[in-house]
PDB file of N, CA and C in Angstrom:
ATOM      1  N   MET A   1     221.813 115.914  94.789  1.00  0.00           N
ATOM      2  CA  MET A   1     221.211 115.500  93.594  1.00  0.00           C
ATOM      3  C   MET A   1     221.937 114.501  93.273  1.00  0.00           C
ATOM      4  N   LYS A   2     223.518 114.467  93.209  1.00  0.00           N
ATOM      5  CA  LYS A   2     224.396 112.923  92.753  1.00  0.00           C
ATOM      6  C   LYS A   2     223.656 111.946  93.069  1.00  0.00           C
ATOM      7  N   LYS A   3     223.568 111.938  94.575  1.00  0.00           N
ATOM      8  CA  LYS A   3     222.739 110.686  95.250  1.00  0.00           C
ATOM      9  C   LYS A   3     221.788 110.229  94.540  1.00  0.00           C
ATOM     10  N   LEU A   4     220.592 110.945  94.392  1.00  0.00           N
ATOM     11  CA  LEU A   4     219.430 110.731  93.801  1.00  0.00           C
ATOM     12  C   LEU A   4     219.800 110.462  92.337  1.00  0.00           C
ATOM     13  N   ILE A   5     220.339 110.839  91.475  1.00  0.00           N
ATOM     14  CA  ILE A   5     220.778 109.947  90.124  1.00  0.00           C
ATOM     15  C   ILE A   5     221.566 108.657  90.163  1.00  0.00           C
ATOM     16  N   GLY A   6     222.043 108.548  91.320  1.00  0.00           N
ATOM     17  CA  GLY A   6     222.838 107.452  91.480  1.00  0.00           C
ATOM     18  C   GLY A   6     221.813 106.234  92.020  1.00  0.00           C
ATOM     19  N   ILE A   7     220.718 106.656  92.556  1.00  0.00           N
ATOM     20  CA  ILE A   7     219.821 105.725  93.174  1.00  0.00           C
ATOM     21  C   ILE A   7     218.839 105.411  91.878  1.00  0.00           C
ATOM     22  N   SER A   8     218.665 106.579  90.921  1.00  0.00           N
ATOM     23  CA  SER A   8     217.445 106.419  90.080  1.00  0.00           C
ATOM     24  C   SER A   8     218.560 105.404  88.956  1.00  0.00           C
ATOM     25  N   SER A   9     219.502 105.388  88.646  1.00  0.00           N
ATOM     26  CA  SER A   9     220.442 104.555  87.562  1.00  0.00           C
ATOM     27  C   SER A   9     220.580 102.888  88.524  1.00  0.00           C
ATOM     28  N   ILE A  10     220.393 103.007  89.605  1.00  0.00           N
ATOM     29  CA  ILE A  10     220.665 101.358  90.367  1.00  0.00           C
ATOM     30  C   ILE A  10     219.229 101.054  90.388  1.00  0.00           C
ATOM     31  N   LEU A  11     218.209 101.986  90.363  1.00  0.00           N
ATOM     32  CA  LEU A  11     216.612 101.273  90.404  1.00  0.00           C
ATOM     33  C   LEU A  11     216.740 100.865  88.516  1.00  0.00           C
ATOM     34  N   MET A  12     216.918 101.712  87.854  1.00  0.00           N
ATOM     35  CA  MET A  12     216.629 101.313  86.192  1.00  0.00           C
ATOM     36  C   MET A  12     217.176  99.835  86.156  1.00  0.00           C
ATOM     37  N   LEU A  13     218.695  99.896  86.499  1.00  0.00           N
ATOM     38  CA  LEU A  13     219.248  98.496  86.214  1.00  0.00           C
ATOM     39  C   LEU A  13     218.307  97.478  87.019  1.00  0.00           C
ATOM     40  N   PHE A  14     217.667  96.976  87.722  1.00  0.00           N
ATOM     41  CA  PHE A  14     217.155  96.488  88.507  1.00  0.00           C
ATOM     42  C   PHE A  14     215.578  95.897  87.818  1.00  0.00           C
ATOM     43  N   ILE A  15     215.005  97.592  87.088  1.00  0.00           N
ATOM     44  CA  ILE A  15     214.118  97.306  86.429  1.00  0.00           C
ATOM     45  C   ILE A  15     214.325  96.434  85.018  1.00  0.00           C
ATOM     46  N   SER A  16     214.930  96.771  84.627  1.00  0.00           N
ATOM     47  CA  SER A  16     215.526  96.436  83.247  1.00  0.00           C
ATOM     48  C   SER A  16     215.994  95.229  83.396  1.00  0.00           C
ATOM     49  N   ALA A  17     216.480  94.289  84.626  1.00  0.00           N
ATOM     50  CA  ALA A  17     216.868  93.308  84.669  1.00  0.00           C
ATOM     51  C   ALA A  17     215.877  92.127  84.712  1.00  0.00           C
ATOM     52  N   SER A  18     214.768  92.542  85.709  1.00  0.00           N
ATOM     53  CA  SER A  18     213.412  92.234  85.873  1.00  0.00           C
ATOM     54  C   SER A  18     212.609  92.004  84.731  1.00  0.00           C
ATOM     55  N   ALA A  19     212.362  92.965  83.418  1.00  0.00           N
ATOM     56  CA  ALA A  19     211.988  92.906  82.661  1.00  0.00           C
ATOM     57  C   ALA A  19     212.438  91.978  81.481  1.00  0.00           C
ATOM     58  N   PHE A  20     213.822  92.047  81.309  1.00  0.00           N
ATOM     59  CA  PHE A  20     214.411  90.888  80.701  1.00  0.00           C
ATOM     60  C   PHE A  20     214.600  89.711  80.808  1.00  0.00           C
ATOM     61  N   SER A  21     214.432  89.443  82.387  1.00  0.00           N
ATOM     62  CA  SER A  21     213.985  88.020  82.934  1.00  0.00           C
ATOM     63  C   SER A  21     212.404  87.665  82.678  1.00  0.00           C
ATOM     64  N   ALA A  22     211.343  88.308  82.599  1.00  0.00           N
ATOM     65  CA  ALA A  22     209.896  88.081  82.175  1.00  0.00           C
ATOM     66  C   ALA A  22     210.133  87.618  80.663  1.00  0.00           C
ATOM     67  N   ASP A  23     211.042  88.116  79.856  1.00  0.00           N
ATOM     68  CA  ASP A  23     211.181  88.206  78.465  1.00  0.00           C
ATOM     69  C   ASP A  23     212.246  87.140  77.762  1.00  0.00           C
ATOM     70  N   ALA A  24     213.220  86.610  78.957  1.00  0.00           N
ATOM     71  CA  ALA A  24     213.845  85.388  78.705  1.00  0.00           C
ATOM     72  C   ALA A  24     212.971  84.005  77.762  1.00  0.00           C
ATOM     73  N   GLU A  25     211.635  83.797  78.289  1.00  0.00           N
ATOM     74  CA  GLU A  25     211.060  82.562  77.751  1.00  0.00           C
ATOM     75  C   GLU A  25     210.937  83.195  76.204  1.00  0.00           C
ATOM     76  N   HIS A  26     210.824  84.273  75.964  1.00  0.00           N
ATOM     77  CA  HIS A  26     210.281  84.452  74.536  1.00  0.00           C
ATOM     78  C   HIS A  26     211.496  84.357  73.641  1.00  0.00           C
ATOM     79  N   CYS A  27     212.437  84.499  74.048  1.00  0.00           N
ATOM     80  CA  CYS A  27     213.747  84.081  73.315  1.00  0.00           C
ATOM     81  C   CYS A  27     214.229  82.599  73.139  1.00  0.00           C
ATOM     82  N   VAL A  28     213.716  82.172  74.034  1.00  0.00           N
ATOM     83  CA  VAL A  28     214.459  81.101  74.164  1.00  0.00           C
ATOM     84  C   VAL A  28     213.347  79.776  73.597  1.00  0.00           C
ATOM     85  N   SER A  29     213.925  78.884  72.864  1.00  0.00           N
ATOM     86  CA  SER A  29     212.992  78.230  71.932  1.00  0.00           C
ATOM     87  C   SER A  29     213.277  76.517  72.640  1.00  0.00           C
ATOM     88  N   LEU A  30     212.087  75.875  72.533  1.00  0.00           N
ATOM     89  CA  LEU A  30     212.352  74.366  73.143  1.00  0.00           C
ATOM     90  C   LEU A  30     212.017  73.315  72.039  1.00  0.00           C
ATOM     91  N   ASP A  31     212.970  72.257  71.705  1.00  0.00           N
ATOM     92  CA  ASP A  31     212.225  71.091  70.848  1.00  0.00           C
ATOM     93  C   ASP A  31     211.927  69.729  71.626  1.00  0.00           C
ATOM     94  N   ASP A  32     210.954  69.301  71.165  1.00  0.00           N
ATOM     95  CA  ASP A  32     210.648  68.362  71.938  1.00  0.00           C
ATOM     96  C   ASP A  32     210.896  67.040  70.481  1.00  0.00           C
ATOM     97  N   ARG A  33     211.341  66.066  71.509  1.00  0.00           N
ATOM     98  CA  ARG A  33     211.589  64.639  70.897  1.00  0.00           C
ATOM     99  C   ARG A  33     211.112  63.353  71.583  1.00  0.00           C
ATOM    100  N   TRP A  34     210.278  62.669  71.122  1.00  0.00           N
ATOM    101  CA  TRP A  34     209.802  61.363  71.723  1.00  0.00           C
ATOM    102  C   TRP A  34     210.492  60.034  71.095  1.00  0.00           C
ATOM    103  N   GLY A  35     210.726  59.441  72.145  1.00  0.00           N
ATOM    104  CA  GLY A  35     211.235  57.957  71.703  1.00  0.00           C
ATOM    105  C   GLY A  35     212.372  58.108  71.501  1.00  0.00           C
ATOM    106  N   GLU A  36     213.202  59.070  71.880  1.00  0.00           N
ATOM    107  CA  GLU A  36     214.751  58.616  71.416  1.00  0.00           C
ATOM    108  C   GLU A  36     215.590  58.194  73.028  1.00  0.00           C
ATOM    109  N   LYS A  37     214.876  58.046  73.824  1.00  0.00           N
ATOM    110  CA  LYS A  37     215.531  57.681  75.010  1.00  0.00           C
ATOM    111  C   LYS A  37     214.856  56.448  75.944  1.00  0.00           C
ATOM    112  N   CYS A  38     215.860  56.036  76.830  1.00  0.00           N
ATOM    113  CA  CYS A  38     215.545  54.777  77.554  1.00  0.00           C
ATOM    114  C   CYS A  38     214.812  53.704  76.663  1.00  0.00           C
ATOM    115  N   GLY A  39     215.389  53.735  75.415  1.00  0.00           N
ATOM    116  CA  GLY A  39     214.654  52.268  74.643  1.00  0.00           C
ATOM    117  C   GLY A  39     212.811  52.251  74.839  1.00  0.00           C
ATOM    118  N   SER A  40     212.407  53.568  74.621  1.00  0.00           N
ATOM    119  CA  SER A  40     211.048  53.699  75.003  1.00  0.00           C
ATOM    120  C   SER A  40     210.192  54.641  74.037  1.00  0.00           C
ATOM    121  N   SER A  41     209.275  54.331  73.372  1.00  0.00           N
ATOM    122  CA  SER A  41     208.406  55.106  72.466  1.00  0.00           C
ATOM    123  C   SER A  41     207.929  56.131  73.018  1.00  0.00           C
ATOM    124  N   ASP A  42     207.463  56.125  75.101  1.00  0.00           N
ATOM    125  CA  ASP A  42     206.922  57.319  75.315  1.00  0.00           C
ATOM    126  C   ASP A  42     208.081  57.995  75.991  1.00  0.00           C
ATOM    127  N   SER A  43     209.424  58.105  75.788  1.00  0.00           N
ATOM    128  CA  SER A  43     210.260  58.799  76.700  1.00  0.00           C
ATOM    129  C   SER A  43     210.162  60.253  75.889  1.00  0.00           C
ATOM    130  N   LEU A  44     210.096  61.391  76.418  1.00  0.00           N
ATOM    131  CA  LEU A  44     210.239  62.794  76.262  1.00  0.00           C
ATOM    132  C   LEU A  44     211.601  63.161  76.345  1.00  0.00           C
ATOM    133  N   GLN A  45     212.312  63.429  75.329  1.00  0.00           N
ATOM    134  CA  GLN A  45     213.466  64.793  75.762  1.00  0.00           C
ATOM    135  C   GLN A  45     212.890  66.259  75.077  1.00  0.00           C
ATOM    136  N   ILE A  46     213.521  67.290  76.080  1.00  0.00           N
ATOM    137  CA  ILE A  46     212.909  68.367  75.042  1.00  0.00           C
ATOM    138  C   ILE A  46     214.449  69.370  75.440  1.00  0.00           C
ATOM    139  N   LYS A  47     214.979  69.574  74.058  1.00  0.00           N
ATOM    140  CA  LYS A  47     216.104  70.760  74.666  1.00  0.00           C
ATOM    141  C   LYS A  47     215.593  72.122  74.425  1.00  0.00           C
ATOM    142  N   ALA A  48     216.580  72.761  74.653  1.00  0.00           N
ATOM    143  CA  ALA A  48     216.303  74.265  74.953  1.00  0.00           C
ATOM    144  C   ALA A  48     217.580  75.004  74.388  1.00  0.00           C
ATOM    145  N   LYS A  49     217.684  75.981  73.221  1.00  0.00           N
ATOM    146  CA  LYS A  49     218.310  77.043  72.752  1.00  0.00           C
ATOM    147  C   LYS A  49     218.181  78.080  72.822  1.00  0.00           C
ATOM    148  N   ASN A  50     219.251  78.920  73.545  1.00  0.00           N
ATOM    149  CA  ASN A  50     219.034  80.476  73.713  1.00  0.00           C
ATOM    150  C   ASN A  50     219.074  81.062  72.316  1.00  0.00           C
ATOM    151  N   ARG A  51     218.109  81.922  72.013  1.00  0.00           N
ATOM    152  CA  ARG A  51     218.236  83.206  71.092  1.00  0.00           C
ATOM    153  C   ARG A  51     218.174  84.042  71.904  1.00  0.00           C
ATOM    154  N   CYS A  52     218.349  84.482  73.407  1.00  0.00           N
ATOM    155  CA  CYS A  52     218.777  85.413  73.923  1.00  0.00           C
ATOM    156  C   CYS A  52     219.871  86.071  73.591  1.00  0.00           C
ATOM    157  N   SER A  53     220.148  87.538  73.959  1.00  0.00           N
ATOM    158  CA  SER A  53     221.530  88.240  73.759  1.00  0.00           C
ATOM    159  C   SER A  53     222.714  87.739  74.675  1.00  0.00           C
ATOM    160  N   GLU A  54     221.877  87.581  75.903  1.00  0.00           N
ATOM    161  CA  GLU A  54     222.775  86.991  77.149  1.00  0.00           C
ATOM    162  C   GLU A  54     222.553  85.189  77.702  1.00  0.00           C
ATOM    163  N   ARG A  55     223.312  85.040  78.316  1.00  0.00           N
ATOM    164  CA  ARG A  55     223.125  83.671  79.404  1.00  0.00           C
ATOM    165  C   ARG A  55     221.920  83.673  79.914  1.00  0.00           C
ATOM    166  N   VAL A  56     221.152  82.925  80.073  1.00  0.00           N
ATOM    167  CA  VAL A  56     220.006  82.043  80.697  1.00  0.00           C
ATOM    168  C   VAL A  56     220.070  81.028  81.363  1.00  0.00           C
ATOM    169  N   TYR A  57     219.507  81.066  82.136  1.00  0.00           N
ATOM    170  CA  TYR A  57     219.368  80.085  82.813  1.00  0.00           C
ATOM    171  C   TYR A  57     217.642  79.357  82.760  1.00  0.00           C
ATOM    172  N   VAL A  58     217.895  78.127  82.719  1.00  0.00           N
ATOM    173  CA  VAL A  58     216.468  77.234  82.196  1.00  0.00           C
ATOM    174  C   VAL A  58     215.853  76.546  82.929  1.00  0.00           C
ATOM    175  N   LYS A  59     214.768  76.119  83.332  1.00  0.00           N
ATOM    176  CA  LYS A  59     214.383  75.042  83.780  1.00  0.00           C
ATOM    177  C   LYS A  59     213.471  74.162  83.673  1.00  0.00           C
ATOM    178  N   ILE A  60     213.451  72.848  83.430  1.00  0.00           N
ATOM    179  CA  ILE A  60     212.470  72.339  83.009  1.00  0.00           C
ATOM    180  C   ILE A  60     211.761  71.103  83.860  1.00  0.00           C
ATOM    181  N   CYS A  61     210.740  70.618  83.832  1.00  0.00           N
ATOM    182  CA  CYS A  61     209.965  69.738  84.374  1.00  0.00           C
ATOM    183  C   CYS A  61     208.852  68.706  83.406  1.00  0.00           C
ATOM    184  N   LEU A  62     209.206  67.705  83.751  1.00  0.00           N
ATOM    185  CA  LEU A  62     208.453  66.661  82.617  1.00  0.00           C
ATOM    186  C   LEU A  62     207.763  65.568  83.684  1.00  0.00           C
ATOM    187  N   GLU A  63     206.612  65.540  83.327  1.00  0.00           N
ATOM    188  CA  GLU A  63     205.709  64.519  84.050  1.00  0.00           C
ATOM    189  C   GLU A  63     206.007  63.007  83.593  1.00  0.00           C
ATOM    190  N   ARG A  64     205.516  62.239  84.784  1.00  0.00           N
ATOM    191  CA  ARG A  64     205.682  60.793  84.312  1.00  0.00           C
ATOM    192  C   ARG A  64     204.320  60.266  84.081  1.00  0.00           C
ATOM    193  N   LYS A  65     203.908  59.358  83.677  1.00  0.00           N
ATOM    194  CA  LYS A  65     202.848  58.685  83.840  1.00  0.00           C
ATOM    195  C   LYS A  65     202.644  58.242  85.009  1.00  0.00           C
ATOM    196  N   ASN A  66     203.571  58.077  85.652  1.00  0.00           N
ATOM    197  CA  ASN A  66     203.252  57.556  87.405  1.00  0.00           C
ATOM    198  C   ASN A  66     202.655  58.783  88.018  1.00  0.00           C
ATOM    199  N   GLY A  67     202.480  59.916  87.563  1.00  0.00           N
ATOM    200  CA  GLY A  67     202.302  61.300  88.356  1.00  0.00           C
ATOM    201  C   GLY A  67     203.372  61.982  88.968  1.00  0.00           C
ATOM    202  N   LYS A  68     204.903  61.152  88.741  1.00  0.00           N
ATOM    203  CA  LYS A  68     205.614  62.151  89.627  1.00  0.00           C
ATOM    204  C   LYS A  68     206.588  62.815  88.181  1.00  0.00           C
ATOM    205  N   TRP A  69     207.153  64.077  89.019  1.00  0.00           N
ATOM    206  CA  TRP A  69     207.673  64.899  88.170  1.00  0.00           C
ATOM    207  C   TRP A  69     209.528  64.837  87.863  1.00  0.00           C
ATOM    208  N   SER A  70     210.034  64.641  86.854  1.00  0.00           N
ATOM    209  CA  SER A  70     211.513  64.921  87.017  1.00  0.00           C
ATOM    210  C   SER A  70     211.970  66.066  86.445  1.00  0.00           C
ATOM    211  N   CYS A  71     212.567  66.845  87.132  1.00  0.00           N
ATOM    212  CA  CYS A  71     212.962  68.198  86.908  1.00  0.00           C
ATOM    213  C   CYS A  71     214.695  68.342  86.546  1.00  0.00           C
ATOM    214  N   GLY A  72     215.023  69.534  85.886  1.00  0.00           N
ATOM    215  CA  GLY A  72     216.434  69.240  85.689  1.00  0.00           C
ATOM    216  C   GLY A  72     216.879  71.224  85.382  1.00  0.00           C
ATOM    217  N   SER A  73     217.836  71.339  85.357  1.00  0.00           N
ATOM    218  CA  SER A  73     218.582  72.827  85.045  1.00  0.00           C
ATOM    219  C   SER A  73     219.449  72.973  84.353  1.00  0.00           C
ATOM    220  N   ASP A  74     219.477  73.915  83.709  1.00  0.00           N
ATOM    221  CA  ASP A  74     221.157  74.398  83.461  1.00  0.00           C
ATOM    222  C   ASP A  74     220.948  76.509  83.531  1.00  0.00           C
ATOM    223  N   SER A  75     221.694  76.076  84.326  1.00  0.00           N
ATOM    224  CA  SER A  75     222.060  77.643  84.318  1.00  0.00           C
ATOM    225  C   SER A  75     223.375  78.655  83.665  1.00  0.00           C
ATOM    226  N   THR A  76     223.950  77.898  82.428  1.00  0.00           N
ATOM    227  CA  THR A  76     224.635  78.502  81.769  1.00  0.00           C
ATOM    228  C   THR A  76     224.706  78.286  80.410  1.00  0.00           C
ATOM    229  N   LEU A  77     223.587  78.487  80.044  1.00  0.00           N
ATOM    230  CA  LEU A  77     222.800  78.240  78.545  1.00  0.00           C
ATOM    231  C   LEU A  77     223.371  79.588  77.692  1.00  0.00           C
ATOM    232  N   ASP A  78     224.790  79.853  77.265  1.00  0.00           N
ATOM    233  CA  ASP A  78     224.964  80.990  76.290  1.00  0.00           C
ATOM    234  C   ASP A  78     224.390  81.369  75.386  1.00  0.00           C
ATOM    235  N   PRO A  79     224.492  82.287  74.960  1.00  0.00           N
ATOM    236  CA  PRO A  79     223.560  82.712  73.362  1.00  0.00           C
ATOM    237  C   PRO A  79     224.073  82.100  72.468  1.00  0.00           C
ATOM    238  N   GLY A  80     223.192  81.438  71.702  1.00  0.00           N
ATOM    239  CA  GLY A  80     223.498  80.892  70.607  1.00  0.00           C
ATOM    240  C   GLY A  80     223.576  79.115  70.936  1.00  0.00           C
ATOM    241  N   GLU A  81     223.394  78.814  72.285  1.00  0.00           N
ATOM    242  CA  GLU A  81     223.487  77.529  72.266  1.00  0.00           C
ATOM    243  C   GLU A  81     222.550  76.476  72.626  1.00  0.00           C
ATOM    244  N   THR A  82     222.619  75.292  72.214  1.00  0.00           N
ATOM    245  CA  THR A  82     221.559  74.348  72.616  1.00  0.00           C
ATOM    246  C   THR A  82     221.717  73.434  73.752  1.00  0.00           C
ATOM    247  N   ASN A  83     221.154  73.114  74.766  1.00  0.00           N
ATOM    248  CA  ASN A  83     221.929  71.955  75.941  1.00  0.00           C
ATOM    249  C   ASN A  83     221.841  70.805  75.459  1.00  0.00           C
ATOM    250  N   GLY A  84     221.989  70.095  76.355  1.00  0.00           N
ATOM    251  CA  GLY A  84     221.810  68.422  75.814  1.00  0.00           C
ATOM    252  C   GLY A  84     220.487  67.852  75.784  1.00  0.00           C
ATOM    253  N   GLY A  85     219.904  68.410  76.491  1.00  0.00           N
ATOM    254  CA  GLY A  85     218.531  67.989  76.752  1.00  0.00           C
ATOM    255  C   GLY A  85     217.725  67.641  78.031  1.00  0.00           C
ATOM    256  N   PHE A  86     216.654  67.793  78.345  1.00  0.00           N
ATOM    257  CA  PHE A  86     216.013  67.279  79.720  1.00  0.00           C
ATOM    258  C   PHE A  86     215.098  65.975  79.212  1.00  0.00           C
ATOM    259  N   PHE A  87     215.225  65.193  80.148  1.00  0.00           N
ATOM    260  CA  PHE A  87     214.173  63.985  79.419  1.00  0.00           C
ATOM    261  C   PHE A  87     213.711  62.907  80.641  1.00  0.00           C
ATOM    262  N   THR A  88     212.526  62.415  80.307  1.00  0.00           N
ATOM    263  CA  THR A  88     211.975  61.510  81.402  1.00  0.00           C
ATOM    264  C   THR A  88     211.442  60.258  80.590  1.00  0.00           C
ATOM    265  N   CYS A  89     211.764  59.059  80.956  1.00  0.00           N
ATOM    266  CA  CYS A  89     211.024  57.899  80.166  1.00  0.00           C
ATOM    267  C   CYS A  89     209.690  58.025  80.481  1.00  0.00           C
ATOM    268  N   HIS A  90     209.053  57.356  79.820  1.00  0.00           N
ATOM    269  CA  HIS A  90     207.282  57.179  80.092  1.00  0.00           C
ATOM    270  C   HIS A  90     206.917  58.134  80.313  1.00  0.00           C
ATOM    271  N   SER A  91     206.447  59.106  79.588  1.00  0.00           N
ATOM    272  CA  SER A  91     206.114  60.634  79.960  1.00  0.00           C
ATOM    273  C   SER A  91     204.905  60.713  79.221  1.00  0.00           C
ATOM    274  N   THR A  92     204.147  61.878  80.089  1.00  0.00           N
ATOM    275  CA  THR A  92     202.615  61.952  79.731  1.00  0.00           C
ATOM    276  C   THR A  92     202.733  63.282  78.729  1.00  0.00           C
ATOM    277  N   GLY A  93     203.511  63.888  78.199  1.00  0.00           N
ATOM    278  CA  GLY A  93     203.788  64.701  77.764  1.00  0.00           C
ATOM    279  C   GLY A  93     203.630  66.145  77.804  1.00  0.00           C
ATOM    280  N   ASN A  94     202.953  66.320  79.356  1.00  0.00           N
ATOM    281  CA  ASN A  94     202.924  67.493  80.146  1.00  0.00           C
ATOM    282  C   ASN A  94     204.510  68.085  80.617  1.00  0.00           C
ATOM    283  N   TYR A  95     204.556  69.416  80.596  1.00  0.00           N
ATOM    284  CA  TYR A  95     206.077  69.713  81.369  1.00  0.00           C
ATOM    285  C   TYR A  95     205.846  71.053  81.240  1.00  0.00           C
ATOM    286  N   LYS A  96     206.670  71.733  82.398  1.00  0.00           N
ATOM    287  CA  LYS A  96     206.652  73.044  82.884  1.00  0.00           C
ATOM    288  C   LYS A  96     207.675  73.658  82.718  1.00  0.00           C
ATOM    289  N   TRP A  97     207.918  75.095  82.108  1.00  0.00           N
ATOM    290  CA  TRP A  97     209.158  75.530  82.085  1.00  0.00           C
ATOM    291  C   TRP A  97     209.502  77.010  82.458  1.00  0.00           C
ATOM    292  N   ALA A  98     210.742  77.409  82.561  1.00  0.00           N
ATOM    293  CA  ALA A  98     211.039  78.877  82.834  1.00  0.00           C
ATOM    294  C   ALA A  98     212.451  79.212  82.422  1.00  0.00           C
ATOM    295  N   ALA A  99     212.825  80.197  82.081  1.00  0.00           N
ATOM    296  CA  ALA A  99     213.928  80.813  81.494  1.00  0.00           C
ATOM    297  C   ALA A  99     213.788  82.169  82.086  1.00  0.00           C
ATOM    298  N   CYS A 100     215.105  82.678  82.866  1.00  0.00           N
ATOM    299  CA  CYS A 100     215.415  84.079  83.119  1.00  0.00           C
ATOM    300  C   CYS A 100     217.020  83.925  83.113  1.00  0.00           C
ATOM    301  N   THR A 101     217.376  85.399  83.560  1.00  0.00           N
ATOM    302  CA  THR A 101     219.150  85.756  83.478  1.00  0.00           C
ATOM    303  C   THR A 101     219.544  85.771  84.619  1.00  0.00           C
ATOM    304  N   GLY A 102     218.732  85.520  85.845  1.00  0.00           N
ATOM    305  CA  GLY A 102     219.209  85.392  87.355  1.00  0.00           C
ATOM    306  C   GLY A 102     219.153  84.282  88.001  1.00  0.00           C
ATOM    307  N   GLY A 103     219.062  83.094  87.472  1.00  0.00           N
ATOM    308  CA  GLY A 103     219.085  82.189  88.260  1.00  0.00           C
ATOM    309  C   GLY A 103     217.503  81.583  88.927  1.00  0.00           C
ATOM    310  N   TYR A 104     217.971  80.556  89.624  1.00  0.00           N
ATOM    311  CA  TYR A 104     216.322  79.736  90.016  1.00  0.00           C
ATOM    312  C   TYR A 104     215.275  81.177  90.899  1.00  0.00           C
ATOM    313  N   SER A 105     216.464  81.849  92.088  1.00  0.00           N
ATOM    314  CA  SER A 105     215.595  82.622  93.002  1.00  0.00           C
ATOM    315  C   SER A 105     214.688  83.799  91.690  1.00  0.00           C
ATOM    316  N   GLU A 106     215.214  84.073  90.850  1.00  0.00           N
ATOM    317  CA  GLU A 106     214.888  85.539  89.856  1.00  0.00           C
ATOM    318  C   GLU A 106     213.765  84.531  89.271  1.00  0.00           C
ATOM    319  N   CYS A 107     214.144  83.542  88.554  1.00  0.00           N
ATOM    320  CA  CYS A 107     212.682  82.637  87.889  1.00  0.00           C
ATOM    321  C   CYS A 107     211.667  82.452  88.669  1.00  0.00           C
ATOM    322  N   GLY A 108     212.049  81.895  89.883  1.00  0.00           N
ATOM    323  CA  GLY A 108     210.614  81.511  90.967  1.00  0.00           C
ATOM    324  C   GLY A 108     210.232  80.521  90.856  1.00  0.00           C
ATOM    325  N   PHE A 109     210.826  79.846  89.822  1.00  0.00           N
ATOM    326  CA  PHE A 109     210.179  78.386  89.438  1.00  0.00           C
ATOM    327  C   PHE A 109     210.357  77.150  90.418  1.00  0.00           C
ATOM    328  N   LYS A 110     209.197  76.792  91.025  1.00  0.00           N
ATOM    329  CA  LYS A 110     209.251  75.718  92.500  1.00  0.00           C
ATOM    330  C   LYS A 110     209.075  74.194  91.511  1.00  0.00           C
ATOM    331  N   ASN A 111     209.459  73.396  92.249  1.00  0.00           N
ATOM    332  CA  ASN A 111     209.293  72.045  91.575  1.00  0.00           C
ATOM    333  C   ASN A 111     207.710  71.601  91.494  1.00  0.00           C
ATOM    334  N   PRO A 112     206.950  71.071  90.724  1.00  0.00           N
ATOM    335  CA  PRO A 112     205.640  70.537  90.888  1.00  0.00           C
ATOM    336  C   PRO A 112     205.370  70.114  91.831  1.00  0.00           C
TER     337      PRO A 112
END
């Protein structure tokens, strides 16, 4: 019986961690700013603010006008913090992002 309770407890930890992982994008906010980098009006910078109750991993990829993607990540964004931002020059304005608590492997976010 003790073994069953222990296994159940561990299983619940994994389930609750992955549930928060999926919800981390709902408590991270993004702020985009055009024309503040590279001396170019078509540069795009995106800052991420962690409004979650625990540290999150954030990854953002921004598309350049040449079709290539510029990706960056922040693995130590603590609650209440805003990162320095991810940016690219000559942006299309398209971007992809993910936020989770367990790092890259948990987010499952691959470069475009």
